[in-house]
Amino acid sequence: MPVSYDNSKTIYEGIRAAGVRSLSALPETWLGLLLQRAEDDPEMRLVQVAKEEEAIGVAAGAWFAGVPHILLMQNHGFLAAINGIVSLAQLYHVPLCMMIALRGHWGEPYPWHTRGGTVTEEVLRALSIPFAYASDPARVGKQIREAVTYAHSSLYPVALLLTRDLMED
């Protein structure tokens, strides 16, 4: 299934409407159209990282500089970034707003995504990270604003899980 051009545009507009002008990401299929929009937007700073754990440091630096920031990652990237989330963001009360492509669920055609898909929510719960599912393009802008607000008011990581219903046509 192709990535939804229209929903990617809606998500990006939601990011901008939330006042975010800084993103970090490691390229991933579902996130590709969002990253292209960020690259083409002269008002957005996109930091592409080699490992998702680097994005935790970038987000922390942005927060300490007073710049609203969102991390874009796939769920396997979230799993790879746990050390930075726990030892930097949670320990020092850094408000991470993570938008995570939730791969590996019903309809997933690629076996390498399925294991991460079955454990992502349980790992978020184990780390006491609040999360919500984004599946409706009509609501995703509001969900992004709420996630950014909650991360900053709680001084804690939060996650918005981007589902297949939202990301694929």
Protein backbone atom coordinates (compact mmCIF):
# COMPACT_ATOMS: atom_id res chain seq x y z
CA MET A 1 0.00 0.00 0.00
CA PRO A 2 1.32 3.47 -0.82
CA VAL A 3 1.85 6.11 1.83
CA SER A 4 -1.03 8.60 1.91
CA TYR A 5 0.01 11.89 0.34
CA ASP A 6 -3.06 13.71 1.67
CA ASN A 7 -2.72 12.42 5.23
CA SER A 8 1.02 13.17 5.26
CA LYS A 9 0.16 16.74 4.25
CA THR A 10 -2.46 16.92 7.02
CA ILE A 11 0.03 15.63 9.59
CA TYR A 12 2.67 18.13 8.50
CA GLU A 13 0.16 20.98 8.67
CA GLY A 14 -0.72 19.78 12.19
CA ILE A 15 2.95 19.92 13.19
CA ARG A 16 3.24 23.49 11.92
CA ALA A 17 -0.07 24.51 13.53
CA ALA A 18 1.27 23.24 16.86
CA GLY A 19 4.06 25.83 16.60
CA VAL A 20 6.78 23.27 15.96
CA ARG A 21 9.62 24.44 13.71
CA SER A 22 12.20 21.79 14.54
CA LEU A 23 12.10 18.06 13.75
CA SER A 24 14.54 15.19 14.07
CA ALA A 25 14.15 11.95 12.21
CA LEU A 26 15.72 8.92 10.68
CA PRO A 27 14.20 8.31 7.24
CA GLU A 28 11.48 5.64 7.14
CA THR A 29 8.95 4.71 4.45
CA TRP A 30 5.83 6.05 6.20
CA LEU A 31 7.64 9.24 7.21
CA GLY A 32 9.21 10.01 3.83
CA LEU A 33 6.56 12.47 2.64
CA LEU A 34 6.69 14.31 5.98
CA LEU A 35 10.47 14.59 5.76
CA GLN A 36 10.23 15.88 2.19
CA ARG A 37 7.81 18.60 3.30
CA ALA A 38 10.16 19.55 6.15
CA GLU A 39 13.13 19.73 3.78
CA ASP A 40 11.16 21.97 1.42
CA ASP A 41 9.94 24.29 4.20
CA PRO A 42 12.38 27.17 4.82
CA GLU A 43 10.80 27.78 8.25
CA MET A 44 11.40 24.20 9.46
CA ARG A 45 14.68 22.85 10.75
CA LEU A 46 15.03 19.14 10.00
CA VAL A 47 17.87 17.24 11.64
CA GLN A 48 18.29 13.83 10.06
CA VAL A 49 20.07 11.43 12.37
CA ALA A 50 21.94 8.17 11.84
CA LYS A 51 20.44 6.56 14.96
CA GLU A 52 17.21 7.43 16.75
CA GLU A 53 18.98 7.78 20.08
CA GLU A 54 20.77 10.80 18.57
CA ALA A 55 17.34 12.38 18.06
CA ILE A 56 16.80 12.32 21.84
CA GLY A 57 19.87 14.53 22.28
CA VAL A 58 18.76 16.82 19.45
CA ALA A 59 15.31 17.17 21.04
CA ALA A 60 16.83 17.89 24.45
CA GLY A 61 19.09 20.55 22.95
CA ALA A 62 16.13 22.14 21.17
CA TRP A 63 14.13 22.21 24.41
CA PHE A 64 16.99 23.77 26.39
CA ALA A 65 17.24 26.40 23.61
CA GLY A 66 13.49 27.09 23.86
CA VAL A 67 12.60 25.59 20.47
CA PRO A 68 9.51 23.35 20.21
CA HIS A 69 10.62 20.05 18.67
CA ILE A 70 9.10 16.76 17.53
CA LEU A 71 10.88 13.47 16.98
CA LEU A 72 9.68 11.41 14.02
CA MET A 73 10.58 7.74 14.19
CA GLN A 74 9.41 4.24 13.49
CA ASN A 75 8.58 1.97 16.41
CA HIS A 76 11.82 0.00 15.98
CA GLY A 77 13.64 3.32 16.24
CA PHE A 78 11.78 4.06 19.45
CA LEU A 79 12.93 0.71 20.80
CA ALA A 80 16.52 1.55 19.80
CA ALA A 81 16.32 4.93 21.58
CA ILE A 82 15.19 3.69 24.99
CA ASN A 83 18.50 4.38 26.72
CA GLY A 84 18.37 8.07 25.73
CA ILE A 85 14.72 8.33 26.65
CA VAL A 86 15.29 6.90 30.13
CA SER A 87 18.74 8.28 30.98
CA LEU A 88 18.26 11.76 29.49
CA ALA A 89 14.63 12.68 28.90
CA GLN A 90 13.00 11.00 31.87
CA LEU A 91 15.86 11.62 34.29
CA TYR A 92 16.19 15.32 33.46
CA HIS A 93 12.50 16.03 32.73
CA VAL A 94 12.92 16.79 29.02
CA PRO A 95 9.54 17.03 27.26
CA LEU A 96 9.95 14.71 24.28
CA CYS A 97 7.11 14.69 21.80
CA MET A 98 7.56 11.53 19.75
CA MET A 99 5.51 10.73 16.67
CA ILE A 100 6.05 7.03 16.09
CA ALA A 101 5.15 5.14 12.91
CA LEU A 102 3.41 2.09 14.38
CA ARG A 103 4.51 -0.67 12.05
CA GLY A 104 3.92 -4.39 12.55
CA HIS A 105 0.17 -4.65 13.15
CA TRP A 106 -2.79 -6.12 11.27
CA GLY A 107 -2.10 -5.98 7.56
CA GLU A 108 1.69 -5.62 7.95
CA PRO A 109 3.23 -7.30 4.87
CA TYR A 110 6.85 -7.20 6.08
CA PRO A 111 7.95 -9.77 8.67
CA TRP A 112 10.81 -7.61 9.97
CA HIS A 113 8.27 -5.11 11.34
CA THR A 114 5.97 -7.52 13.16
CA ARG A 115 8.01 -8.19 16.32
CA GLY A 116 8.49 -4.50 17.09
CA GLY A 117 4.81 -3.93 16.41
CA THR A 118 3.78 -6.44 19.04
CA VAL A 119 5.90 -4.92 21.82
CA THR A 120 5.79 -1.14 21.25
CA GLU A 121 2.72 -0.37 23.34
CA GLU A 122 3.86 -2.60 26.20
CA VAL A 123 7.28 -0.90 26.26
CA LEU A 124 5.61 2.52 26.34
CA ARG A 125 3.48 1.33 29.27
CA ALA A 126 6.51 -0.16 31.05
CA LEU A 127 8.28 3.20 30.75
CA SER A 128 5.12 5.05 31.90
CA ILE A 129 5.08 7.08 28.68
CA PRO A 130 1.59 8.37 27.86
CA PHE A 131 0.52 7.60 24.30
CA ALA A 132 -2.40 7.89 21.92
CA TYR A 133 -3.23 6.38 18.55
CA ALA A 134 -3.55 8.66 15.52
CA SER A 135 -5.75 7.03 12.91
CA ASP A 136 -8.17 9.77 11.82
CA PRO A 137 -6.88 12.57 9.58
CA ALA A 138 -9.69 14.82 10.81
CA ARG A 139 -8.37 14.58 14.38
CA VAL A 140 -4.60 14.27 13.94
CA GLY A 141 -3.88 18.02 14.01
CA LYS A 142 -5.60 18.34 17.38
CA GLN A 143 -3.79 15.26 18.64
CA ILE A 144 -0.42 16.73 17.66
CA ARG A 145 -1.20 20.00 19.50
CA GLU A 146 -2.33 18.04 22.55
CA ALA A 147 0.79 15.85 22.50
CA VAL A 148 3.12 18.87 22.29
CA THR A 149 1.20 20.61 25.08
CA TYR A 150 1.20 17.55 27.31
CA ALA A 151 4.92 16.87 26.83
CA HIS A 152 5.69 20.44 27.87
CA SER A 153 3.27 20.63 30.78
CA SER A 154 4.38 17.27 32.19
CA LEU A 155 8.08 17.69 31.35
CA TYR A 156 7.98 14.08 30.24
CA PRO A 157 8.08 12.05 27.03
CA VAL A 158 4.81 11.39 25.22
CA ALA A 159 4.09 9.42 22.06
CA LEU A 160 1.58 9.76 19.26
CA LEU A 161 1.38 6.45 17.41
CA LEU A 162 0.80 6.90 13.67
CA THR A 163 -1.30 3.93 12.58
CA ARG A 164 -1.64 2.15 9.24
CA ASP A 165 -5.15 3.61 8.82
CA LEU A 166 -3.62 7.10 8.89
CA MET A 167 -0.40 6.50 6.99
CA GLU A 168 -1.48 4.32 4.07
CA ASP A 169 -4.01 4.79 1.29
